[in-house]
N, C-alpha and C. Protein backbone atom coordinates (compact mmCIF):
# COMPACT_ATOMS: atom_id res chain seq x y z
N MET A 1 -21.72 -1.67 -18.95
CA MET A 1 -22.52 -0.61 -19.61
C MET A 1 -22.06 0.70 -18.96
N PRO A 2 -21.78 1.72 -19.82
CA PRO A 2 -21.29 2.98 -19.35
C PRO A 2 -22.36 3.69 -18.43
N ILE A 3 -21.85 4.43 -17.44
CA ILE A 3 -22.74 5.06 -16.43
C ILE A 3 -22.77 6.63 -16.66
N ASP A 4 -23.81 7.18 -16.04
CA ASP A 4 -23.86 8.70 -16.01
C ASP A 4 -23.07 9.11 -14.79
N ALA A 5 -22.09 9.97 -15.10
CA ALA A 5 -21.20 10.44 -14.00
C ALA A 5 -21.85 11.37 -13.05
N THR A 6 -23.09 11.75 -13.30
CA THR A 6 -23.87 12.59 -12.34
C THR A 6 -24.85 11.84 -11.41
N GLN A 7 -24.86 10.53 -11.60
CA GLN A 7 -25.80 9.66 -10.86
C GLN A 7 -25.37 9.70 -9.35
N PRO A 8 -26.22 9.32 -8.35
CA PRO A 8 -25.82 9.27 -7.04
C PRO A 8 -24.78 8.06 -6.79
N TYR A 9 -24.04 8.11 -5.82
CA TYR A 9 -23.00 7.10 -5.58
C TYR A 9 -23.80 5.83 -5.15
N ASP A 10 -23.33 4.72 -5.67
CA ASP A 10 -23.96 3.39 -5.43
C ASP A 10 -23.03 2.58 -4.54
N ASP A 11 -23.41 2.35 -3.27
CA ASP A 11 -22.62 1.63 -2.37
C ASP A 11 -22.41 0.14 -2.81
N ALA A 12 -23.25 -0.37 -3.75
CA ALA A 12 -23.10 -1.70 -4.15
C ALA A 12 -22.10 -1.87 -5.32
N ASN A 13 -21.46 -0.86 -5.73
CA ASN A 13 -20.49 -0.93 -6.87
C ASN A 13 -19.24 -1.77 -6.43
N ILE A 14 -18.61 -2.36 -7.40
CA ILE A 14 -17.50 -3.28 -7.15
C ILE A 14 -16.36 -2.66 -6.36
N PHE A 15 -16.04 -1.37 -6.56
CA PHE A 15 -14.95 -0.76 -5.84
C PHE A 15 -15.33 -0.50 -4.36
N ALA A 16 -16.60 -0.10 -4.12
CA ALA A 16 -17.03 0.05 -2.79
C ALA A 16 -16.97 -1.24 -2.04
N ARG A 17 -17.30 -2.35 -2.71
CA ARG A 17 -17.20 -3.65 -2.07
C ARG A 17 -15.79 -4.04 -1.80
N ILE A 18 -14.86 -3.73 -2.72
CA ILE A 18 -13.40 -4.06 -2.46
C ILE A 18 -13.00 -3.14 -1.25
N LEU A 19 -13.36 -1.90 -1.16
CA LEU A 19 -12.96 -1.08 -0.02
C LEU A 19 -13.50 -1.68 1.26
N ARG A 20 -14.58 -2.27 1.27
CA ARG A 20 -15.18 -2.85 2.49
C ARG A 20 -14.68 -4.23 2.75
N GLY A 21 -13.80 -4.82 1.94
CA GLY A 21 -13.21 -6.12 2.08
C GLY A 21 -14.21 -7.27 1.74
N GLU A 22 -15.32 -6.99 1.01
CA GLU A 22 -16.19 -7.98 0.55
C GLU A 22 -15.71 -8.75 -0.65
N ILE A 23 -14.89 -8.12 -1.43
CA ILE A 23 -14.33 -8.75 -2.60
C ILE A 23 -12.81 -8.57 -2.53
N PRO A 24 -12.08 -9.69 -2.71
CA PRO A 24 -10.60 -9.55 -2.63
C PRO A 24 -9.96 -8.76 -3.78
N ALA A 25 -8.81 -8.22 -3.49
CA ALA A 25 -8.11 -7.47 -4.56
C ALA A 25 -6.61 -7.65 -4.34
N ARG A 26 -5.85 -7.70 -5.38
CA ARG A 26 -4.34 -7.77 -5.28
C ARG A 26 -3.82 -6.42 -5.02
N THR A 27 -3.76 -5.96 -3.78
CA THR A 27 -3.41 -4.62 -3.38
C THR A 27 -1.94 -4.36 -3.57
N VAL A 28 -1.58 -3.23 -4.15
CA VAL A 28 -0.20 -2.79 -4.32
C VAL A 28 0.03 -1.59 -3.44
N TYR A 29 -1.00 -0.89 -2.96
CA TYR A 29 -0.73 0.35 -2.18
C TYR A 29 -2.04 0.62 -1.37
N GLU A 30 -1.89 1.18 -0.16
CA GLU A 30 -2.99 1.65 0.57
C GLU A 30 -2.55 2.62 1.62
N ASP A 31 -3.28 3.70 1.69
CA ASP A 31 -3.06 4.71 2.71
C ASP A 31 -4.45 5.25 3.14
N ALA A 32 -4.44 6.36 3.94
CA ALA A 32 -5.72 6.87 4.45
C ALA A 32 -6.63 7.41 3.33
N HIS A 33 -6.05 7.77 2.21
CA HIS A 33 -6.93 8.32 1.10
C HIS A 33 -7.15 7.50 -0.08
N ALA A 34 -6.31 6.43 -0.32
CA ALA A 34 -6.41 5.68 -1.55
C ALA A 34 -6.13 4.23 -1.42
N LEU A 35 -6.63 3.48 -2.35
CA LEU A 35 -6.30 2.04 -2.47
C LEU A 35 -5.88 1.73 -3.90
N ALA A 36 -4.81 1.02 -4.13
CA ALA A 36 -4.39 0.69 -5.51
C ALA A 36 -4.31 -0.85 -5.55
N PHE A 37 -4.74 -1.39 -6.76
CA PHE A 37 -4.75 -2.84 -6.89
C PHE A 37 -4.73 -3.22 -8.32
N HIS A 38 -4.23 -4.44 -8.66
CA HIS A 38 -4.15 -4.80 -10.06
C HIS A 38 -5.51 -5.07 -10.62
N ASP A 39 -5.63 -4.60 -11.89
CA ASP A 39 -6.89 -4.80 -12.62
C ASP A 39 -7.13 -6.34 -12.92
N ILE A 40 -8.33 -6.73 -12.81
CA ILE A 40 -8.54 -8.24 -13.04
C ILE A 40 -8.57 -8.60 -14.51
N ASN A 41 -8.70 -7.52 -15.35
CA ASN A 41 -8.66 -7.72 -16.83
C ASN A 41 -7.67 -6.74 -17.40
N PRO A 42 -6.39 -7.00 -17.21
CA PRO A 42 -5.27 -6.08 -17.62
C PRO A 42 -5.29 -5.82 -19.12
N GLN A 43 -5.11 -4.53 -19.45
CA GLN A 43 -5.07 -4.09 -20.83
C GLN A 43 -3.59 -3.79 -21.22
N ALA A 44 -2.66 -3.92 -20.31
CA ALA A 44 -1.25 -3.73 -20.59
C ALA A 44 -0.54 -4.60 -19.62
N PRO A 45 0.80 -4.86 -19.82
CA PRO A 45 1.59 -5.70 -18.82
C PRO A 45 1.46 -5.18 -17.43
N HIS A 46 1.42 -3.86 -17.30
CA HIS A 46 1.23 -3.34 -15.94
C HIS A 46 -0.10 -2.46 -16.01
N HIS A 47 -1.10 -2.97 -15.21
CA HIS A 47 -2.41 -2.28 -15.28
C HIS A 47 -2.89 -2.26 -13.75
N VAL A 48 -2.80 -1.08 -13.11
CA VAL A 48 -3.22 -0.99 -11.74
C VAL A 48 -4.33 0.08 -11.73
N LEU A 49 -5.27 -0.10 -10.87
CA LEU A 49 -6.29 0.90 -10.59
C LEU A 49 -6.06 1.54 -9.21
N VAL A 50 -6.21 2.84 -9.20
CA VAL A 50 -6.12 3.57 -7.93
C VAL A 50 -7.49 4.27 -7.70
N ILE A 51 -8.01 3.98 -6.52
CA ILE A 51 -9.30 4.56 -6.16
C ILE A 51 -9.19 5.36 -4.89
N PRO A 52 -9.94 6.43 -4.82
CA PRO A 52 -10.02 7.11 -3.49
C PRO A 52 -10.93 6.33 -2.52
N LYS A 53 -10.72 6.51 -1.24
CA LYS A 53 -11.53 5.77 -0.27
C LYS A 53 -12.81 6.43 -0.06
N GLY A 54 -13.03 7.68 -0.43
CA GLY A 54 -14.31 8.35 -0.33
C GLY A 54 -15.31 7.90 -1.36
N ARG A 55 -16.52 8.36 -1.15
CA ARG A 55 -17.64 7.94 -2.01
C ARG A 55 -17.78 8.99 -3.15
N TYR A 56 -17.01 8.81 -4.21
CA TYR A 56 -17.02 9.69 -5.34
C TYR A 56 -17.32 8.95 -6.62
N VAL A 57 -18.33 9.41 -7.36
CA VAL A 57 -18.66 8.74 -8.57
C VAL A 57 -17.69 8.96 -9.73
N SER A 58 -17.11 10.14 -9.84
CA SER A 58 -16.30 10.38 -11.00
C SER A 58 -15.25 11.46 -10.62
N TRP A 59 -14.36 11.80 -11.55
CA TRP A 59 -13.42 12.86 -11.42
C TRP A 59 -14.06 14.16 -11.14
N ASP A 60 -15.19 14.41 -11.85
CA ASP A 60 -15.97 15.69 -11.66
C ASP A 60 -16.47 15.73 -10.22
N ASP A 61 -17.11 14.64 -9.76
CA ASP A 61 -17.62 14.63 -8.38
C ASP A 61 -16.49 14.84 -7.39
N PHE A 62 -15.35 14.12 -7.55
CA PHE A 62 -14.25 14.22 -6.65
C PHE A 62 -13.66 15.63 -6.56
N SER A 63 -13.51 16.18 -7.75
CA SER A 63 -12.83 17.51 -7.87
C SER A 63 -13.62 18.62 -7.24
N SER A 64 -15.03 18.43 -7.24
CA SER A 64 -15.88 19.40 -6.75
C SER A 64 -16.20 19.27 -5.27
N ARG A 65 -16.18 17.98 -4.80
CA ARG A 65 -16.62 17.68 -3.37
C ARG A 65 -15.51 17.31 -2.38
N ALA A 66 -14.46 16.70 -2.86
CA ALA A 66 -13.40 16.22 -1.96
C ALA A 66 -12.67 17.41 -1.32
N ASN A 67 -12.23 17.24 -0.09
CA ASN A 67 -11.47 18.27 0.59
C ASN A 67 -10.06 18.24 0.08
N ASP A 68 -9.30 19.27 0.48
CA ASP A 68 -7.96 19.37 -0.04
C ASP A 68 -7.06 18.22 0.34
N ALA A 69 -7.24 17.62 1.54
CA ALA A 69 -6.37 16.54 2.00
C ALA A 69 -6.68 15.28 1.08
N GLU A 70 -7.94 15.10 0.89
CA GLU A 70 -8.32 13.90 0.03
C GLU A 70 -7.75 14.09 -1.39
N ILE A 71 -7.97 15.19 -2.01
CA ILE A 71 -7.35 15.43 -3.30
C ILE A 71 -5.84 15.22 -3.36
N ALA A 72 -5.13 15.97 -2.44
CA ALA A 72 -3.68 15.83 -2.45
C ALA A 72 -3.27 14.37 -2.14
N GLY A 73 -3.97 13.70 -1.21
CA GLY A 73 -3.64 12.30 -0.90
C GLY A 73 -3.84 11.39 -2.07
N PHE A 74 -4.89 11.57 -2.80
CA PHE A 74 -5.20 10.69 -3.90
C PHE A 74 -4.17 10.95 -5.05
N VAL A 75 -3.91 12.19 -5.45
CA VAL A 75 -2.99 12.40 -6.46
C VAL A 75 -1.54 11.94 -6.07
N ARG A 76 -1.17 12.10 -4.85
CA ARG A 76 0.14 11.67 -4.34
C ARG A 76 0.20 10.06 -4.43
N ALA A 77 -1.02 9.43 -4.08
CA ALA A 77 -0.97 7.98 -4.14
C ALA A 77 -0.75 7.50 -5.55
N VAL A 78 -1.39 8.08 -6.55
CA VAL A 78 -1.19 7.72 -7.95
C VAL A 78 0.34 7.78 -8.33
N GLY A 79 0.98 8.86 -7.92
CA GLY A 79 2.44 8.98 -8.20
C GLY A 79 3.21 8.01 -7.38
N ALA A 80 2.90 7.68 -6.17
CA ALA A 80 3.65 6.67 -5.39
C ALA A 80 3.55 5.37 -5.94
N VAL A 81 2.37 5.00 -6.46
CA VAL A 81 2.25 3.69 -7.07
C VAL A 81 3.08 3.60 -8.35
N ALA A 82 3.14 4.53 -9.19
CA ALA A 82 3.91 4.57 -10.38
C ALA A 82 5.42 4.50 -10.06
N ARG A 83 5.85 5.29 -9.02
CA ARG A 83 7.27 5.26 -8.63
C ARG A 83 7.65 3.95 -8.09
N ALA A 84 6.77 3.40 -7.16
CA ALA A 84 7.12 2.09 -6.54
C ALA A 84 7.24 0.96 -7.56
N ALA A 85 6.53 1.09 -8.66
CA ALA A 85 6.54 0.06 -9.74
C ALA A 85 7.66 0.24 -10.71
N GLY A 86 8.45 1.32 -10.52
CA GLY A 86 9.54 1.65 -11.42
C GLY A 86 9.10 2.12 -12.79
N LEU A 87 7.96 2.80 -12.89
CA LEU A 87 7.50 3.19 -14.19
C LEU A 87 7.91 4.63 -14.73
N VAL A 88 8.50 5.40 -13.84
CA VAL A 88 8.73 6.79 -14.25
C VAL A 88 9.71 6.88 -15.40
N GLU A 89 10.80 6.05 -15.36
CA GLU A 89 11.77 6.20 -16.43
C GLU A 89 11.22 5.72 -17.79
N SER A 90 10.60 4.64 -17.84
CA SER A 90 10.08 4.17 -19.18
C SER A 90 8.75 4.83 -19.59
N GLY A 91 8.01 5.32 -18.65
CA GLY A 91 6.80 6.08 -18.85
C GLY A 91 5.54 5.17 -18.58
N TYR A 92 4.42 5.87 -18.38
CA TYR A 92 3.17 5.24 -18.08
C TYR A 92 2.08 6.16 -18.51
N ARG A 93 0.88 5.64 -18.59
CA ARG A 93 -0.35 6.35 -18.99
C ARG A 93 -1.38 6.33 -17.87
N LEU A 94 -1.99 7.49 -17.59
CA LEU A 94 -3.04 7.55 -16.62
C LEU A 94 -4.39 7.78 -17.41
N LEU A 95 -5.42 7.07 -16.98
CA LEU A 95 -6.71 7.15 -17.64
C LEU A 95 -7.74 7.25 -16.57
N ALA A 96 -8.63 8.20 -16.63
CA ALA A 96 -9.84 8.32 -15.71
C ALA A 96 -11.02 8.60 -16.58
N ASN A 97 -11.89 7.62 -16.83
CA ASN A 97 -13.06 7.83 -17.61
C ASN A 97 -14.17 8.51 -16.81
N THR A 98 -14.86 9.47 -17.33
CA THR A 98 -15.93 10.14 -16.62
C THR A 98 -17.19 10.18 -17.55
N GLY A 99 -18.15 9.43 -17.18
CA GLY A 99 -19.51 9.45 -17.82
C GLY A 99 -19.57 8.51 -19.08
N ARG A 100 -20.76 8.58 -19.63
CA ARG A 100 -21.14 7.66 -20.71
C ARG A 100 -20.23 7.78 -21.93
N ASP A 101 -20.01 8.96 -22.42
CA ASP A 101 -19.26 9.12 -23.64
C ASP A 101 -17.74 8.69 -23.45
N ALA A 102 -17.34 8.65 -22.22
CA ALA A 102 -15.93 8.22 -21.94
C ALA A 102 -15.87 6.74 -21.65
N HIS A 103 -17.08 6.15 -21.54
CA HIS A 103 -17.23 4.70 -21.25
C HIS A 103 -16.85 4.39 -19.82
N GLN A 104 -17.19 5.22 -18.85
CA GLN A 104 -17.04 4.85 -17.41
C GLN A 104 -17.92 3.73 -17.07
N GLU A 105 -17.44 2.67 -16.56
CA GLU A 105 -18.23 1.46 -16.26
C GLU A 105 -18.55 1.27 -14.78
N VAL A 106 -17.73 1.76 -13.91
CA VAL A 106 -17.95 1.68 -12.48
C VAL A 106 -18.17 3.06 -11.87
N PRO A 107 -19.30 3.20 -11.14
CA PRO A 107 -19.61 4.49 -10.63
C PRO A 107 -18.78 4.83 -9.32
N HIS A 108 -17.50 4.65 -9.38
CA HIS A 108 -16.59 5.11 -8.32
C HIS A 108 -15.36 5.64 -9.00
N LEU A 109 -14.88 6.84 -8.71
CA LEU A 109 -13.72 7.38 -9.38
C LEU A 109 -12.58 6.30 -9.27
N HIS A 110 -11.94 6.16 -10.44
CA HIS A 110 -10.77 5.29 -10.49
C HIS A 110 -9.86 5.72 -11.63
N VAL A 111 -8.49 5.71 -11.34
CA VAL A 111 -7.50 6.05 -12.31
C VAL A 111 -6.81 4.75 -12.58
N HIS A 112 -6.68 4.51 -14.02
CA HIS A 112 -5.93 3.41 -14.47
C HIS A 112 -4.54 3.80 -14.69
N ILE A 113 -3.56 3.01 -14.34
CA ILE A 113 -2.12 3.20 -14.59
C ILE A 113 -1.73 2.09 -15.50
N PHE A 114 -1.40 2.47 -16.78
CA PHE A 114 -0.99 1.46 -17.75
C PHE A 114 0.50 1.65 -18.12
N ALA A 115 1.25 0.49 -18.21
CA ALA A 115 2.67 0.65 -18.59
C ALA A 115 3.09 -0.78 -18.98
N GLY A 116 4.37 -0.88 -19.28
CA GLY A 116 5.04 -2.18 -19.62
C GLY A 116 5.24 -2.44 -21.05
N ARG A 117 4.77 -1.54 -21.95
CA ARG A 117 5.00 -1.72 -23.44
C ARG A 117 4.60 -0.34 -24.05
N PRO A 118 5.07 -0.05 -25.23
CA PRO A 118 4.67 1.14 -25.91
C PRO A 118 3.10 1.14 -26.04
N LEU A 119 2.53 2.17 -25.71
CA LEU A 119 1.05 2.25 -25.56
C LEU A 119 0.35 2.90 -26.88
N GLY A 120 1.11 3.44 -27.77
CA GLY A 120 0.54 3.86 -28.95
C GLY A 120 -0.05 5.21 -28.71
N PRO A 121 -0.81 5.70 -29.79
CA PRO A 121 -1.48 6.99 -29.66
C PRO A 121 -2.56 7.04 -28.56
N MET A 122 -2.80 8.20 -28.08
CA MET A 122 -3.76 8.35 -26.97
C MET A 122 -5.17 7.80 -27.27
N LEU A 123 -5.67 8.27 -28.43
CA LEU A 123 -6.94 7.72 -28.83
C LEU A 123 -6.96 7.09 -30.20
N ALA A 124 -7.77 6.06 -30.33
CA ALA A 124 -7.94 5.42 -31.65
C ALA A 124 -8.65 6.32 -32.62
N ALA A 125 -8.27 6.27 -33.78
CA ALA A 125 -8.86 7.09 -34.87
C ALA A 125 -10.29 6.59 -35.11
N GLY A 126 -11.19 7.49 -35.35
CA GLY A 126 -12.55 7.01 -35.67
C GLY A 126 -13.55 7.89 -35.01
């Protein structure tokens, strides 16, 4: 069910539990600011999620409250994951849903990295 991006952070969300080690994840990258892991329900041949380690509900929350080091570290982590997977030459798509209308399902900022096949138009018609 889509969430409200302005809601308070929920420490019981699945990504918070992954960060605490309560739920396993197939990690592909980790540093002081971010964790990246394979999506359990991939929508493309390559589908990785990158999450900040801080308690941020959405991109809006992160961009307004995170400090400069967190923002730079997270953005650099997304790029490092794509480069390490060899996605730059063929291309990849980044997606960060924010709020109900964008169908954000987990109240922790996350960026999807999709690649591995032609992805088609950015949005479906309708």
